[in-house]
Amino acid sequence: MTTRPDTAIVLAAGLGKRMRPITDTIPKPMVRIAGKTLLDWSLDSLAAAGVGKAVVNVHYLPEQIVAHVAARSAPRIVISDESDRLLDSAGGIVKALPELGQNPFYILNADTFWIDHGTLNLGRLALAWDAAKMDILLMLADLHQATGHCGSTDFLVAPDGSLRRSKGDPSGLIYAGAAIIHPRLFKDASAEPHSLNAYFDKAIAAGRLFGMPMHGHWITVGTPDAIPLAEAAVAGALIESQ
């Protein structure tokens, strides 16, 4: 029986330098797309998936995020304060581990989101999770279902769902900024600045990094000129999903 993760962390502590001048006055997760902040796109997805508690890490202009999430009732928000020092993706997770607990949890990037088509993607991710053979399960997007992505692909998917680095192979898929991860992977890790990418590679080496292609439309917002593209993509994807 699959147990859906009840906790999550939303990585919201970045500086958002590429989003300047907008981020001169607001943190990137507070940028609005189609009337909703990027952070709320993430938190609404978690609420729809039945997640009870979400840790949100903060660093840049943190008081704005703290004030904003105070108005939410679901999921319950716990702030992980990195005001003193930015810890990067993995360091931020390690710092938040006491709040995330002993069971697998979701990780979401606060600058990417998606419009589900059919069954909720986070629910599908939970159903695909198998702790016996996985340490990390990534949600993946095809280049053709992505808006705002200007890089290449990230991973190649084997027939059994296991992943290896694509090294830009156009037949590969993009990491879509959502995952389930088991906290055992961070055993003995310290809350020092370091990237989650190191854990992806560790899991690949052990044959324990897996992926699930998403259904719907994936949107990443990296620069100001990506905002109108994202808003158009939301409008189009919502029409398609009706």
C-alpha atoms as a PDB file:
ATOM      1  CA  MET A   1       0.000   0.000   0.000  1.00  0.00           C
ATOM      2  CA  THR A   2       1.333   3.402  -0.974  1.00  0.00           C
ATOM      3  CA  THR A   3       1.235   6.102   1.678  1.00  0.00           C
ATOM      4  CA  ARG A   4       1.161   9.598   0.254  1.00  0.00           C
ATOM      5  CA  PRO A   5       3.702  12.021   1.715  1.00  0.00           C
ATOM      6  CA  ASP A   6       2.136  14.247   4.340  1.00  0.00           C
ATOM      7  CA  THR A   7       4.997  16.738   4.481  1.00  0.00           C
ATOM      8  CA  ALA A   8       6.840  18.834   1.914  1.00  0.00           C
ATOM      9  CA  ILE A   9       9.467  21.504   1.540  1.00  0.00           C
ATOM     10  CA  VAL A  10       9.112  24.375  -0.909  1.00  0.00           C
ATOM     11  CA  LEU A  11      12.510  25.805  -1.821  1.00  0.00           C
ATOM     12  CA  ALA A  12      11.848  29.539  -1.704  1.00  0.00           C
ATOM     13  CA  ALA A  13      15.119  30.992  -0.392  1.00  0.00           C
ATOM     14  CA  GLY A  14      16.837  31.950  -3.651  1.00  0.00           C
ATOM     15  CA  LEU A  15      17.937  35.477  -4.532  1.00  0.00           C
ATOM     16  CA  GLY A  16      16.120  35.608  -7.876  1.00  0.00           C
ATOM     17  CA  LYS A  17      18.897  37.637  -9.503  1.00  0.00           C
ATOM     18  CA  ARG A  18      17.763  36.835 -13.052  1.00  0.00           C
ATOM     19  CA  MET A  19      14.329  38.267 -12.222  1.00  0.00           C
ATOM     20  CA  ARG A  20      15.647  41.765 -11.534  1.00  0.00           C
ATOM     21  CA  PRO A  21      14.470  44.519 -11.440  1.00  0.00           C
ATOM     22  CA  ILE A  22      11.237  42.892 -10.190  1.00  0.00           C
ATOM     23  CA  THR A  23      13.119  41.159  -7.377  1.00  0.00           C
ATOM     24  CA  ASP A  24      14.733  44.383  -6.218  1.00  0.00           C
ATOM     25  CA  THR A  25      11.629  44.840  -4.053  1.00  0.00           C
ATOM     26  CA  ILE A  26      10.021  41.396  -3.713  1.00  0.00           C
ATOM     27  CA  PRO A  27      11.389  37.856  -3.375  1.00  0.00           C
ATOM     28  CA  LYS A  28      10.963  35.735  -6.500  1.00  0.00           C
ATOM     29  CA  PRO A  29       8.356  33.374  -4.974  1.00  0.00           C
ATOM     30  CA  MET A  30       6.078  36.417  -4.577  1.00  0.00           C
ATOM     31  CA  VAL A  31       6.052  37.120  -8.339  1.00  0.00           C
ATOM     32  CA  ARG A  32       2.497  36.699  -9.600  1.00  0.00           C
ATOM     33  CA  ILE A  33       1.475  34.613 -12.592  1.00  0.00           C
ATOM     34  CA  ALA A  34      -2.187  34.808 -13.630  1.00  0.00           C
ATOM     35  CA  GLY A  35      -2.990  36.593 -10.370  1.00  0.00           C
ATOM     36  CA  LYS A  36      -1.366  34.006  -8.091  1.00  0.00           C
ATOM     37  CA  THR A  37       2.099  34.079  -6.536  1.00  0.00           C
ATOM     38  CA  LEU A  38       4.571  31.428  -7.628  1.00  0.00           C
ATOM     39  CA  LEU A  39       4.669  30.271  -4.019  1.00  0.00           C
ATOM     40  CA  ASP A  40       0.900  29.802  -3.934  1.00  0.00           C
ATOM     41  CA  TRP A  41       0.975  27.763  -7.145  1.00  0.00           C
ATOM     42  CA  SER A  42       3.257  25.350  -5.250  1.00  0.00           C
ATOM     43  CA  LEU A  43       1.351  25.408  -1.984  1.00  0.00           C
ATOM     44  CA  ASP A  44      -2.021  24.978  -3.721  1.00  0.00           C
ATOM     45  CA  SER A  45      -0.670  21.876  -5.499  1.00  0.00           C
ATOM     46  CA  LEU A  46       0.441  20.470  -2.139  1.00  0.00           C
ATOM     47  CA  ALA A  47      -2.924  21.259  -0.530  1.00  0.00           C
ATOM     48  CA  ALA A  48      -4.750  19.533  -3.407  1.00  0.00           C
ATOM     49  CA  ALA A  49      -2.532  16.466  -2.881  1.00  0.00           C
ATOM     50  CA  GLY A  50      -3.542  16.310   0.791  1.00  0.00           C
ATOM     51  CA  VAL A  51      -0.212  17.422   2.248  1.00  0.00           C
ATOM     52  CA  GLY A  52      -0.676  18.485   5.853  1.00  0.00           C
ATOM     53  CA  LYS A  53       2.524  20.429   6.509  1.00  0.00           C
ATOM     54  CA  ALA A  54       4.827  22.372   4.205  1.00  0.00           C
ATOM     55  CA  VAL A  55       8.172  23.838   5.204  1.00  0.00           C
ATOM     56  CA  VAL A  56       9.014  27.020   3.295  1.00  0.00           C
ATOM     57  CA  ASN A  57      12.630  28.121   3.518  1.00  0.00           C
ATOM     58  CA  VAL A  58      13.354  31.850   3.317  1.00  0.00           C
ATOM     59  CA  HIS A  59      16.412  34.057   2.950  1.00  0.00           C
ATOM     60  CA  TYR A  60      15.887  37.128   0.749  1.00  0.00           C
ATOM     61  CA  LEU A  61      13.260  39.644   1.951  1.00  0.00           C
ATOM     62  CA  PRO A  62      11.886  36.874   4.173  1.00  0.00           C
ATOM     63  CA  GLU A  63       9.339  39.000   6.012  1.00  0.00           C
ATOM     64  CA  GLN A  64       7.239  39.285   2.835  1.00  0.00           C
ATOM     65  CA  ILE A  65       6.938  35.516   2.486  1.00  0.00           C
ATOM     66  CA  VAL A  66       6.285  35.046   6.214  1.00  0.00           C
ATOM     67  CA  ALA A  67       3.464  37.598   6.129  1.00  0.00           C
ATOM     68  CA  HIS A  68       1.986  36.131   2.957  1.00  0.00           C
ATOM     69  CA  VAL A  69       1.796  32.509   4.083  1.00  0.00           C
ATOM     70  CA  ALA A  70       0.313  33.519   7.445  1.00  0.00           C
ATOM     71  CA  ALA A  71      -3.020  33.909   5.645  1.00  0.00           C
ATOM     72  CA  ARG A  72      -3.056  30.277   4.459  1.00  0.00           C
ATOM     73  CA  SER A  73      -4.954  27.532   6.249  1.00  0.00           C
ATOM     74  CA  ALA A  74      -3.708  24.573   4.184  1.00  0.00           C
ATOM     75  CA  PRO A  75      -1.176  23.177   4.181  1.00  0.00           C
ATOM     76  CA  ARG A  76       0.104  24.224   7.592  1.00  0.00           C
ATOM     77  CA  ILE A  77       3.211  26.322   6.961  1.00  0.00           C
ATOM     78  CA  VAL A  78       6.448  26.098   8.910  1.00  0.00           C
ATOM     79  CA  ILE A  79       9.129  28.670   8.076  1.00  0.00           C
ATOM     80  CA  SER A  80      12.762  27.549   7.917  1.00  0.00           C
ATOM     81  CA  ASP A  81      14.726  30.752   8.342  1.00  0.00           C
ATOM     82  CA  GLU A  82      17.977  30.997   6.380  1.00  0.00           C
ATOM     83  CA  SER A  83      18.274  34.769   6.754  1.00  0.00           C
ATOM     84  CA  ASP A  84      21.776  34.479   8.171  1.00  0.00           C
ATOM     85  CA  ARG A  85      23.158  32.306   5.380  1.00  0.00           C
ATOM     86  CA  LEU A  86      21.828  30.892   2.120  1.00  0.00           C
ATOM     87  CA  LEU A  87      22.200  27.107   2.259  1.00  0.00           C
ATOM     88  CA  ASP A  88      21.436  26.140  -1.371  1.00  0.00           C
ATOM     89  CA  SER A  89      18.904  23.417  -2.160  1.00  0.00           C
ATOM     90  CA  ALA A  90      20.316  20.477  -0.202  1.00  0.00           C
ATOM     91  CA  GLY A  91      21.599  22.509   2.737  1.00  0.00           C
ATOM     92  CA  GLY A  92      18.152  24.026   3.116  1.00  0.00           C
ATOM     93  CA  ILE A  93      16.564  20.587   3.163  1.00  0.00           C
ATOM     94  CA  VAL A  94      19.028  19.269   5.750  1.00  0.00           C
ATOM     95  CA  LYS A  95      18.295  22.249   8.015  1.00  0.00           C
ATOM     96  CA  ALA A  96      14.558  21.524   7.721  1.00  0.00           C
ATOM     97  CA  LEU A  97      14.798  17.754   8.334  1.00  0.00           C
ATOM     98  CA  PRO A  98      13.566  17.966  11.963  1.00  0.00           C
ATOM     99  CA  GLU A  99      10.286  19.387  10.622  1.00  0.00           C
ATOM    100  CA  LEU A 100      10.099  17.016   7.649  1.00  0.00           C
ATOM    101  CA  GLY A 101      10.177  13.841   9.713  1.00  0.00           C
ATOM    102  CA  GLN A 102      11.253  10.255   9.096  1.00  0.00           C
ATOM    103  CA  ASN A 103       9.059   9.478   6.092  1.00  0.00           C
ATOM    104  CA  PRO A 104       9.448  10.367   2.397  1.00  0.00           C
ATOM    105  CA  PHE A 105       8.450  13.950   1.607  1.00  0.00           C
ATOM    106  CA  TYR A 106       7.813  16.159  -1.402  1.00  0.00           C
ATOM    107  CA  ILE A 107      10.301  18.753  -2.623  1.00  0.00           C
ATOM    108  CA  LEU A 108       9.020  21.610  -4.804  1.00  0.00           C
ATOM    109  CA  ASN A 109      10.906  24.471  -6.416  1.00  0.00           C
ATOM    110  CA  ALA A 110       9.133  27.781  -5.853  1.00  0.00           C
ATOM    111  CA  ASP A 111       9.898  29.117  -9.338  1.00  0.00           C
ATOM    112  CA  THR A 112       8.275  26.303 -11.338  1.00  0.00           C
ATOM    113  CA  PHE A 113       4.683  25.103 -11.430  1.00  0.00           C
ATOM    114  CA  TRP A 114       2.311  23.191 -13.671  1.00  0.00           C
ATOM    115  CA  ILE A 115      -1.267  22.833 -14.794  1.00  0.00           C
ATOM    116  CA  ASP A 116      -2.457  19.289 -14.147  1.00  0.00           C
ATOM    117  CA  HIS A 117      -4.252  17.404 -16.896  1.00  0.00           C
ATOM    118  CA  GLY A 118      -6.403  14.640 -15.457  1.00  0.00           C
ATOM    119  CA  THR A 119      -5.153  13.006 -12.253  1.00  0.00           C
ATOM    120  CA  LEU A 120      -3.080  15.316 -10.052  1.00  0.00           C
ATOM    121  CA  ASN A 121       0.604  14.890 -10.800  1.00  0.00           C
ATOM    122  CA  LEU A 122       1.618  14.906  -7.134  1.00  0.00           C
ATOM    123  CA  GLY A 123      -0.869  12.109  -6.526  1.00  0.00           C
ATOM    124  CA  ARG A 124       0.567  10.168  -9.472  1.00  0.00           C
ATOM    125  CA  LEU A 125       4.052  10.737  -8.072  1.00  0.00           C
ATOM    126  CA  ALA A 126       2.971   9.271  -4.726  1.00  0.00           C
ATOM    127  CA  LEU A 127       1.455   6.219  -6.423  1.00  0.00           C
ATOM    128  CA  ALA A 128       4.666   5.665  -8.415  1.00  0.00           C
ATOM    129  CA  TRP A 129       6.869   5.931  -5.317  1.00  0.00           C
ATOM    130  CA  ASP A 130       8.502   2.685  -4.165  1.00  0.00           C
ATOM    131  CA  ALA A 131      10.743   3.166  -1.144  1.00  0.00           C
ATOM    132  CA  ALA A 132      12.191  -0.337  -1.541  1.00  0.00           C
ATOM    133  CA  LYS A 133      13.946   0.578  -4.783  1.00  0.00           C
ATOM    134  CA  MET A 134      13.978   4.402  -4.840  1.00  0.00           C
ATOM    135  CA  ASP A 135      15.725   7.098  -2.858  1.00  0.00           C
ATOM    136  CA  ILE A 136      14.414   9.893  -5.104  1.00  0.00           C
ATOM    137  CA  LEU A 137      11.540  10.025  -7.601  1.00  0.00           C
ATOM    138  CA  LEU A 138      11.524  13.059  -9.892  1.00  0.00           C
ATOM    139  CA  MET A 139       8.615  14.526 -11.799  1.00  0.00           C
ATOM    140  CA  LEU A 140       9.745  15.004 -15.392  1.00  0.00           C
ATOM    141  CA  ALA A 141       8.493  17.120 -18.296  1.00  0.00           C
ATOM    142  CA  ASP A 142       8.949  16.818 -22.047  1.00  0.00           C
ATOM    143  CA  LEU A 143      10.402  19.823 -23.859  1.00  0.00           C
ATOM    144  CA  HIS A 144       7.140  20.113 -25.821  1.00  0.00           C
ATOM    145  CA  GLN A 145       5.023  20.504 -22.685  1.00  0.00           C
ATOM    146  CA  ALA A 146       7.239  23.176 -21.145  1.00  0.00           C
ATOM    147  CA  THR A 147       7.060  26.978 -21.193  1.00  0.00           C
ATOM    148  CA  GLY A 148       9.978  29.176 -20.160  1.00  0.00           C
ATOM    149  CA  HIS A 149      12.642  26.480 -20.300  1.00  0.00           C
ATOM    150  CA  CYS A 150      15.615  27.694 -22.300  1.00  0.00           C
ATOM    151  CA  GLY A 151      18.075  24.942 -21.453  1.00  0.00           C
ATOM    152  CA  SER A 152      18.373  21.368 -22.659  1.00  0.00           C
ATOM    153  CA  THR A 153      17.146  18.125 -21.138  1.00  0.00           C
ATOM    154  CA  ASP A 154      18.284  16.697 -17.796  1.00  0.00           C
ATOM    155  CA  PHE A 155      17.667  12.954 -17.702  1.00  0.00           C
ATOM    156  CA  LEU A 156      17.194   9.866 -19.859  1.00  0.00           C
ATOM    157  CA  VAL A 157      14.574   7.397 -18.628  1.00  0.00           C
ATOM    158  CA  ALA A 158      15.240   3.658 -18.810  1.00  0.00           C
ATOM    159  CA  PRO A 159      12.349   1.226 -19.423  1.00  0.00           C
ATOM    160  CA  ASP A 160      12.134   0.538 -15.671  1.00  0.00           C
ATOM    161  CA  GLY A 161      11.908   4.271 -14.901  1.00  0.00           C
ATOM    162  CA  SER A 162      15.447   4.634 -13.577  1.00  0.00           C
ATOM    163  CA  LEU A 163      17.348   7.744 -14.630  1.00  0.00           C
ATOM    164  CA  ARG A 164      20.752   8.791 -15.839  1.00  0.00           C
ATOM    165  CA  ARG A 165      22.018  12.194 -16.914  1.00  0.00           C
ATOM    166  CA  SER A 166      20.990  13.028 -20.478  1.00  0.00           C
ATOM    167  CA  LYS A 167      23.911  15.397 -21.136  1.00  0.00           C
ATOM    168  CA  GLY A 168      21.584  17.418 -23.342  1.00  0.00           C
ATOM    169  CA  ASP A 169      20.260  14.498 -25.404  1.00  0.00           C
ATOM    170  CA  PRO A 170      17.070  15.875 -27.069  1.00  0.00           C
ATOM    171  CA  SER A 171      15.275  12.604 -26.360  1.00  0.00           C
ATOM    172  CA  GLY A 172      15.658  13.253 -22.637  1.00  0.00           C
ATOM    173  CA  LEU A 173      13.278  14.925 -20.193  1.00  0.00           C
ATOM    174  CA  ILE A 174      13.473  17.981 -17.919  1.00  0.00           C
ATOM    175  CA  TYR A 175      13.424  17.814 -14.130  1.00  0.00           C
ATOM    176  CA  ALA A 176      10.127  19.559 -13.446  1.00  0.00           C
ATOM    177  CA  GLY A 177      10.952  20.928  -9.999  1.00  0.00           C
ATOM    178  CA  ALA A 178       8.917  18.408  -7.978  1.00  0.00           C
ATOM    179  CA  ALA A 179      10.088  15.184  -6.368  1.00  0.00           C
ATOM    180  CA  ILE A 180       9.637  12.703  -3.559  1.00  0.00           C
ATOM    181  CA  ILE A 181      12.766  11.954  -1.567  1.00  0.00           C
ATOM    182  CA  HIS A 182      13.537   9.678   1.370  1.00  0.00           C
ATOM    183  CA  PRO A 183      15.256  11.433   4.302  1.00  0.00           C
ATOM    184  CA  ARG A 184      17.694   8.515   4.702  1.00  0.00           C
ATOM    185  CA  LEU A 185      19.600   9.995   1.764  1.00  0.00           C
ATOM    186  CA  PHE A 186      20.671  12.884   4.017  1.00  0.00           C
ATOM    187  CA  LYS A 187      22.068  10.677   6.771  1.00  0.00           C
ATOM    188  CA  ASP A 188      25.164  12.358   8.247  1.00  0.00           C
ATOM    189  CA  ALA A 189      24.716  15.392   5.946  1.00  0.00           C
ATOM    190  CA  SER A 190      25.356  18.805   7.451  1.00  0.00           C
ATOM    191  CA  ALA A 191      23.350  21.986   6.996  1.00  0.00           C
ATOM    192  CA  GLU A 192      26.122  23.605   4.995  1.00  0.00           C
ATOM    193  CA  PRO A 193      25.566  25.176   1.567  1.00  0.00           C
ATOM    194  CA  HIS A 194      25.398  22.404  -1.047  1.00  0.00           C
ATOM    195  CA  SER A 195      23.243  21.375  -3.974  1.00  0.00           C
ATOM    196  CA  LEU A 196      20.607  18.690  -4.371  1.00  0.00           C
ATOM    197  CA  ASN A 197      22.323  17.744  -7.630  1.00  0.00           C
ATOM    198  CA  ALA A 198      24.957  15.855  -5.628  1.00  0.00           C
ATOM    199  CA  TYR A 199      22.189  13.629  -4.243  1.00  0.00           C
ATOM    200  CA  PHE A 200      20.782  13.029  -7.714  1.00  0.00           C
ATOM    201  CA  ASP A 201      24.203  11.763  -8.761  1.00  0.00           C
ATOM    202  CA  LYS A 202      24.541   9.677  -5.593  1.00  0.00           C
ATOM    203  CA  ALA A 203      21.175   8.052  -6.299  1.00  0.00           C
ATOM    204  CA  ILE A 204      22.086   7.446  -9.960  1.00  0.00           C
ATOM    205  CA  ALA A 205      25.282   5.693  -8.858  1.00  0.00           C
ATOM    206  CA  ALA A 206      23.250   3.435  -6.572  1.00  0.00           C
ATOM    207  CA  GLY A 207      20.572   2.779  -9.216  1.00  0.00           C
ATOM    208  CA  ARG A 208      17.990   4.492  -6.992  1.00  0.00           C
ATOM    209  CA  LEU A 209      17.052   7.655  -8.931  1.00  0.00           C
ATOM    210  CA  PHE A 210      13.753   7.238 -10.780  1.00  0.00           C
ATOM    211  CA  GLY A 211      11.460   9.496 -12.761  1.00  0.00           C
ATOM    212  CA  MET A 212       7.799   9.875 -13.672  1.00  0.00           C
ATOM    213  CA  PRO A 213       6.699  11.848 -16.760  1.00  0.00           C
ATOM    214  CA  MET A 214       4.037  14.384 -15.802  1.00  0.00           C
ATOM    215  CA  HIS A 215       0.686  14.959 -17.482  1.00  0.00           C
ATOM    216  CA  GLY A 216      -0.242  18.538 -18.324  1.00  0.00           C
ATOM    217  CA  HIS A 217       1.790  21.690 -18.898  1.00  0.00           C
ATOM    218  CA  TRP A 218       4.935  22.701 -17.017  1.00  0.00           C
ATOM    219  CA  ILE A 219       5.981  26.320 -16.552  1.00  0.00           C
ATOM    220  CA  THR A 220       9.228  27.817 -15.295  1.00  0.00           C
ATOM    221  CA  VAL A 221       9.653  31.532 -14.664  1.00  0.00           C
ATOM    222  CA  GLY A 222      13.270  32.642 -14.659  1.00  0.00           C
ATOM    223  CA  THR A 223      13.313  36.184 -16.062  1.00  0.00           C
ATOM    224  CA  PRO A 224      10.861  39.088 -16.389  1.00  0.00           C
ATOM    225  CA  ASP A 225      10.213  38.333 -20.047  1.00  0.00           C
ATOM    226  CA  ALA A 226       9.059  34.840 -19.057  1.00  0.00           C
ATOM    227  CA  ILE A 227       6.063  36.259 -17.155  1.00  0.00           C
ATOM    228  CA  PRO A 228       3.769  37.018 -20.140  1.00  0.00           C
ATOM    229  CA  LEU A 229       4.701  33.665 -21.692  1.00  0.00           C
ATOM    230  CA  ALA A 230       3.790  31.940 -18.430  1.00  0.00           C
ATOM    231  CA  GLU A 231       0.466  33.767 -18.188  1.00  0.00           C
ATOM    232  CA  ALA A 232      -0.425  32.816 -21.763  1.00  0.00           C
ATOM    233  CA  ALA A 233       0.542  29.207 -21.064  1.00  0.00           C
ATOM    234  CA  VAL A 234      -1.680  29.125 -17.962  1.00  0.00           C
ATOM    235  CA  ALA A 235      -4.634  30.478 -19.927  1.00  0.00           C
ATOM    236  CA  GLY A 236      -4.109  27.952 -22.717  1.00  0.00           C
ATOM    237  CA  ALA A 237      -3.551  24.994 -20.402  1.00  0.00           C
ATOM    238  CA  LEU A 238      -6.646  25.782 -18.327  1.00  0.00           C
ATOM    239  CA  ILE A 239      -8.761  25.857 -21.492  1.00  0.00           C
ATOM    240  CA  GLU A 240      -7.320  22.488 -22.586  1.00  0.00           C
ATOM    241  CA  SER A 241      -7.954  20.913 -19.180  1.00  0.00           C
ATOM    242  CA  GLN A 242     -11.653  21.861 -19.093  1.00  0.00           C
END
